[in-house]
Every structure is written in C-alpha cells, then in structure tokens.
C-alpha cells in the first residue's frame, strides 16, 4: 500500500473545534466534496465593521484541468 497524501496543517486550515474528528487526507476530503451536491463555504470578513461570517453556497466538485484523469488521491 502506498503512502497517504494529506493537506498540510497551517494556521488557516487547522481544525480547532472537535479536532478529534478532523482529517487532512486528500482522498477523504475529495470524496466528501465530490459526493456533496451543494457545499457551504464560510469565511470571516476582514472589515472590523462587519464582524459576521459570510456563507456562500457552492457546487461541490474536485477537478484538475491540467490533469483531467487525476485520481481522488492525487493533489489537485
């Protein structure tokens, strides 16, 4: 069995709430995104007068235009 690729943990993507359930595994993350028809992406505004997060609905699909036949385990 080959090695498992993972996304690097950096300050911006590290899970703090229920971190025991978090994963950074490429295959797991890409599978969740591909199997979910609508994702909600949230982020905080950098404007101090707007302290509320913004949430955007998005269509979930992982793909690579450079490598269209990439596997779920491949970095995109």
N, C-alpha and C. Protein backbone atom coordinates (compact mmCIF):
# COMPACT_ATOMS: atom_id res chain seq x y z
N UNK A 1 0.84 -1.17 0.00
CA UNK A 1 0.00 0.00 0.00
C UNK A 1 0.88 1.23 0.00
N UNK A 2 0.55 2.23 -0.83
CA UNK A 2 1.34 3.45 -0.94
C UNK A 2 1.10 4.40 0.22
N UNK A 3 1.84 5.45 0.18
CA UNK A 3 1.68 6.44 1.25
C UNK A 3 0.40 7.24 1.03
N UNK A 4 -0.14 7.79 2.09
CA UNK A 4 -1.35 8.59 2.03
C UNK A 4 -0.96 10.06 1.98
N UNK A 5 -1.45 10.77 0.97
CA UNK A 5 -1.18 12.20 0.87
C UNK A 5 -2.16 12.98 1.72
N UNK A 6 -1.67 14.01 2.37
CA UNK A 6 -2.52 14.84 3.22
C UNK A 6 -2.25 16.31 2.92
N UNK A 7 -3.28 17.13 3.16
CA UNK A 7 -3.09 18.57 3.07
C UNK A 7 -2.25 19.02 4.26
N UNK A 8 -1.34 19.97 4.07
CA UNK A 8 -0.53 20.44 5.20
C UNK A 8 -1.40 21.21 6.19
N UNK A 9 -1.12 21.04 7.48
CA UNK A 9 -1.82 21.78 8.52
C UNK A 9 -1.10 23.11 8.71
N UNK A 10 -1.81 24.19 8.41
CA UNK A 10 -1.29 25.53 8.63
C UNK A 10 -2.31 26.28 9.48
N UNK A 11 -1.99 27.46 9.90
CA UNK A 11 -2.86 28.21 10.80
C UNK A 11 -4.26 28.41 10.22
N UNK A 12 -4.35 28.67 8.93
CA UNK A 12 -5.66 28.98 8.32
C UNK A 12 -6.56 27.76 8.15
N UNK A 13 -6.02 26.55 8.09
CA UNK A 13 -6.90 25.39 7.85
C UNK A 13 -6.91 24.39 9.00
N UNK A 14 -6.30 24.70 10.11
CA UNK A 14 -6.27 23.77 11.24
C UNK A 14 -7.61 23.79 11.98
N UNK A 15 -8.17 22.61 12.18
CA UNK A 15 -9.46 22.48 12.87
C UNK A 15 -9.22 22.57 14.37
N UNK A 16 -10.02 23.39 15.04
CA UNK A 16 -9.89 23.54 16.50
C UNK A 16 -11.11 22.96 17.22
N UNK A 17 -12.27 23.03 16.61
CA UNK A 17 -13.48 22.51 17.23
C UNK A 17 -13.68 21.07 16.80
N UNK A 18 -13.81 20.18 17.76
CA UNK A 18 -13.96 18.73 17.51
C UNK A 18 -12.81 18.23 16.63
N UNK A 19 -11.60 18.63 16.96
CA UNK A 19 -10.42 18.29 16.15
C UNK A 19 -10.13 16.79 16.13
N UNK A 20 -10.71 16.03 17.05
CA UNK A 20 -10.50 14.58 17.02
C UNK A 20 -11.22 13.94 15.82
N UNK A 21 -12.17 14.67 15.21
CA UNK A 21 -12.90 14.16 14.05
C UNK A 21 -12.34 14.69 12.73
N UNK A 22 -11.34 15.55 12.79
CA UNK A 22 -10.79 16.19 11.59
C UNK A 22 -9.86 15.24 10.84
N UNK A 23 -9.80 15.44 9.52
CA UNK A 23 -8.85 14.71 8.70
C UNK A 23 -8.31 15.66 7.64
N UNK A 24 -7.08 15.40 7.24
CA UNK A 24 -6.44 16.20 6.19
C UNK A 24 -6.08 15.31 5.00
N UNK A 25 -6.62 14.10 4.99
CA UNK A 25 -6.37 13.11 3.95
C UNK A 25 -7.01 13.55 2.64
N UNK A 26 -6.23 13.60 1.55
CA UNK A 26 -6.72 14.04 0.25
C UNK A 26 -7.91 13.21 -0.22
N UNK A 27 -7.81 11.90 -0.16
CA UNK A 27 -8.88 11.03 -0.66
C UNK A 27 -10.19 11.29 0.09
N UNK A 28 -10.13 11.41 1.40
CA UNK A 28 -11.33 11.63 2.20
C UNK A 28 -11.97 12.97 1.88
N UNK A 29 -11.17 14.02 1.82
CA UNK A 29 -11.69 15.36 1.55
C UNK A 29 -12.26 15.45 0.14
N UNK A 30 -11.54 14.92 -0.86
CA UNK A 30 -12.03 14.97 -2.24
C UNK A 30 -13.30 14.14 -2.40
N UNK A 31 -13.41 13.02 -1.70
CA UNK A 31 -14.62 12.19 -1.77
C UNK A 31 -15.82 12.92 -1.18
N UNK A 32 -15.64 13.59 -0.06
CA UNK A 32 -16.74 14.33 0.56
C UNK A 32 -17.22 15.43 -0.38
N UNK A 33 -16.29 16.18 -0.96
CA UNK A 33 -16.66 17.27 -1.86
C UNK A 33 -17.36 16.74 -3.10
N UNK A 34 -16.86 15.66 -3.68
CA UNK A 34 -17.47 15.11 -4.89
C UNK A 34 -18.83 14.49 -4.64
N UNK A 35 -19.08 13.98 -3.44
CA UNK A 35 -20.36 13.33 -3.12
C UNK A 35 -21.42 14.30 -2.60
N UNK A 36 -21.05 15.55 -2.39
CA UNK A 36 -21.97 16.53 -1.83
C UNK A 36 -22.38 17.51 -2.93
N UNK A 37 -23.68 17.54 -3.30
CA UNK A 37 -24.08 18.41 -4.40
C UNK A 37 -23.93 19.90 -4.11
N UNK A 38 -24.20 20.32 -2.88
CA UNK A 38 -24.07 21.73 -2.52
C UNK A 38 -23.24 21.85 -1.25
N UNK A 39 -22.20 22.66 -1.31
CA UNK A 39 -21.35 22.92 -0.15
C UNK A 39 -21.58 24.34 0.32
N UNK A 40 -21.37 24.59 1.59
CA UNK A 40 -21.43 25.95 2.11
C UNK A 40 -20.04 26.32 2.60
N UNK A 41 -19.48 27.33 1.97
CA UNK A 41 -18.14 27.80 2.32
C UNK A 41 -18.30 29.09 3.11
N UNK A 42 -17.73 29.11 4.31
CA UNK A 42 -17.84 30.29 5.18
C UNK A 42 -16.47 30.89 5.44
N UNK A 43 -16.46 32.20 5.57
CA UNK A 43 -15.21 32.89 5.90
C UNK A 43 -15.56 34.17 6.65
N UNK A 44 -14.61 34.65 7.42
CA UNK A 44 -14.80 35.89 8.17
C UNK A 44 -14.33 37.07 7.34
N UNK A 45 -15.05 38.15 7.45
CA UNK A 45 -14.70 39.38 6.75
C UNK A 45 -13.49 40.03 7.42
N UNK A 46 -12.68 40.70 6.63
CA UNK A 46 -11.54 41.43 7.21
C UNK A 46 -11.95 42.83 7.65
N UNK A 47 -13.22 43.20 7.38
CA UNK A 47 -13.73 44.51 7.75
C UNK A 47 -14.18 44.49 9.21
N UNK A 48 -13.57 45.28 10.09
CA UNK A 48 -13.96 45.27 11.51
C UNK A 48 -15.39 45.75 11.75
N UNK A 49 -15.98 46.49 10.81
CA UNK A 49 -17.36 46.95 10.96
C UNK A 49 -18.36 45.86 10.57
N UNK A 50 -17.89 44.79 9.97
CA UNK A 50 -18.75 43.67 9.58
C UNK A 50 -18.21 42.39 10.23
N UNK A 51 -18.53 42.16 11.51
CA UNK A 51 -17.93 41.04 12.24
C UNK A 51 -18.56 39.68 11.97
N UNK A 52 -19.59 39.62 11.11
CA UNK A 52 -20.29 38.37 10.89
C UNK A 52 -19.68 37.59 9.73
N UNK A 53 -19.68 36.27 9.82
CA UNK A 53 -19.13 35.48 8.72
C UNK A 53 -20.02 35.53 7.48
N UNK A 54 -19.41 35.35 6.35
CA UNK A 54 -20.12 35.26 5.07
C UNK A 54 -20.17 33.79 4.69
N UNK A 55 -21.35 33.33 4.27
CA UNK A 55 -21.52 31.94 3.85
C UNK A 55 -22.02 31.91 2.42
N UNK A 56 -21.30 31.16 1.58
CA UNK A 56 -21.65 31.06 0.17
C UNK A 56 -21.99 29.61 -0.19
N UNK A 57 -23.15 29.37 -0.81
CA UNK A 57 -23.43 28.02 -1.32
C UNK A 57 -22.64 27.80 -2.60
N UNK A 58 -22.06 26.63 -2.76
CA UNK A 58 -21.27 26.32 -3.94
C UNK A 58 -21.54 24.89 -4.38
N UNK A 59 -21.35 24.63 -5.68
CA UNK A 59 -21.46 23.27 -6.20
C UNK A 59 -20.16 22.55 -5.90
N UNK A 60 -20.26 21.34 -5.33
CA UNK A 60 -19.07 20.62 -4.91
C UNK A 60 -18.53 19.67 -5.97
N UNK A 61 -17.35 19.98 -6.52
CA UNK A 61 -16.67 19.09 -7.45
C UNK A 61 -15.17 19.37 -7.39
N UNK A 62 -14.40 18.32 -7.25
CA UNK A 62 -12.95 18.44 -7.30
C UNK A 62 -12.50 18.01 -8.68
N UNK A 63 -11.71 18.85 -9.34
CA UNK A 63 -11.24 18.51 -10.68
C UNK A 63 -9.93 19.22 -10.95
N UNK A 64 -9.24 18.73 -11.93
CA UNK A 64 -7.98 19.33 -12.35
C UNK A 64 -8.01 19.50 -13.86
N UNK A 65 -7.94 20.75 -14.32
CA UNK A 65 -7.91 21.00 -15.75
C UNK A 65 -6.57 20.56 -16.34
N UNK A 66 -5.51 20.65 -15.57
CA UNK A 66 -4.19 20.25 -16.04
C UNK A 66 -4.07 18.73 -16.15
N UNK A 67 -4.73 18.00 -15.23
CA UNK A 67 -4.69 16.53 -15.21
C UNK A 67 -6.11 16.00 -15.07
N UNK A 68 -6.91 15.99 -16.15
CA UNK A 68 -8.32 15.60 -16.04
C UNK A 68 -8.55 14.17 -15.57
N UNK A 69 -7.58 13.29 -15.72
CA UNK A 69 -7.77 11.91 -15.29
C UNK A 69 -7.17 11.67 -13.90
N UNK A 70 -6.95 12.73 -13.13
CA UNK A 70 -6.37 12.60 -11.80
C UNK A 70 -7.29 11.79 -10.89
N UNK A 71 -6.69 10.98 -10.04
CA UNK A 71 -7.41 10.16 -9.08
C UNK A 71 -7.76 11.00 -7.85
N UNK A 72 -8.67 10.51 -7.01
CA UNK A 72 -9.02 11.23 -5.79
C UNK A 72 -7.83 11.36 -4.84
N UNK A 73 -6.87 10.47 -4.96
CA UNK A 73 -5.69 10.52 -4.09
C UNK A 73 -4.62 11.48 -4.58
N UNK A 74 -4.80 12.03 -5.78
CA UNK A 74 -3.79 12.93 -6.35
C UNK A 74 -4.03 14.36 -5.88
N UNK A 75 -2.96 15.10 -5.63
CA UNK A 75 -3.14 16.53 -5.30
C UNK A 75 -3.65 17.27 -6.53
N UNK A 76 -4.59 18.16 -6.34
CA UNK A 76 -5.17 18.88 -7.48
C UNK A 76 -4.67 20.29 -7.56
